[in-house]
Amino acid sequence: MPMTPREMISLLKKNGFEIVSQNGSHVKMRNPITKRQTIVPNHSKAMKKGLESGILNQAGLK
């Protein structure tokens, strides 16, 4: 089952990411140790499988 944006943000925070900024409904997150950065769309619906996979790849968690 796909994650919601809130669950994704929580997962990224647990893995060392911090919220850098927010522009509208998109949250920019960055890991200060690995210098990896990703953007999470913060909408009310669950994310699609490809988007979820792409964010995890950018974050280095997959």
Protein backbone atom coordinates (compact mmCIF):
# COMPACT_ATOMS: atom_id res chain seq x y z
CA MET A 1 0.00 0.00 0.00
CA PRO A 2 1.42 3.41 -0.97
CA MET A 3 2.52 5.88 1.69
CA THR A 4 0.85 9.16 2.39
CA PRO A 5 3.02 12.29 2.18
CA ARG A 6 2.90 12.60 5.98
CA GLU A 7 4.28 9.07 6.37
CA MET A 8 7.03 9.79 3.82
CA ILE A 9 8.09 12.97 5.62
CA SER A 10 8.17 11.05 8.91
CA LEU A 11 10.28 8.28 7.36
CA LEU A 12 12.74 10.80 5.92
CA LYS A 13 13.05 12.59 9.28
CA LYS A 14 13.84 9.27 10.99
CA ASN A 15 16.65 8.81 8.45
CA GLY A 16 18.31 12.15 9.16
CA PHE A 17 16.51 14.47 6.75
CA GLU A 18 15.42 17.95 7.82
CA ILE A 19 12.83 20.27 6.30
CA VAL A 20 14.66 23.06 4.48
CA SER A 21 11.71 24.97 3.03
CA GLN A 22 8.17 24.65 1.80
CA ASN A 23 6.78 26.22 -1.35
CA GLY A 24 3.03 25.77 -1.53
CA SER A 25 2.28 22.07 -1.13
CA HIS A 26 5.83 20.83 -1.76
CA VAL A 27 8.30 20.24 1.07
CA LYS A 28 12.03 20.37 0.36
CA MET A 29 14.04 18.06 2.62
CA ARG A 30 17.81 17.66 2.94
CA ASN A 31 20.14 15.34 4.81
CA PRO A 32 23.05 17.41 6.20
CA ILE A 33 25.32 14.37 6.46
CA THR A 34 24.89 12.86 2.99
CA LYS A 35 23.97 16.17 1.30
CA ARG A 36 21.08 14.42 -0.48
CA GLN A 37 17.99 16.47 -1.20
CA THR A 38 14.46 15.53 -2.22
CA ILE A 39 11.08 17.21 -2.63
CA VAL A 40 7.91 15.64 -1.25
CA PRO A 41 4.53 16.78 -2.59
CA ASN A 42 2.40 17.31 0.51
CA HIS A 43 -1.10 16.57 -0.83
CA SER A 44 -3.92 14.79 0.97
CA LYS A 45 -3.96 11.67 -1.23
CA ALA A 46 -1.59 8.72 -1.05
CA MET A 47 1.37 8.92 -3.42
CA LYS A 48 1.55 6.73 -6.49
CA LYS A 49 4.00 3.85 -6.53
CA GLY A 50 6.43 5.48 -9.00
CA LEU A 51 6.60 8.77 -7.10
CA GLU A 52 7.19 6.98 -3.81
CA SER A 53 9.96 4.90 -5.36
CA GLY A 54 11.55 7.98 -6.93
CA ILE A 55 11.66 9.90 -3.65
CA LEU A 56 13.21 6.92 -1.85
CA ASN A 57 15.83 6.60 -4.62
CA GLN A 58 16.71 10.30 -4.39
CA ALA A 59 17.04 9.97 -0.63
CA GLY A 60 19.28 6.91 -0.98
CA LEU A 61 16.91 4.70 1.02
CA LYS A 62 16.17 2.17 -1.71
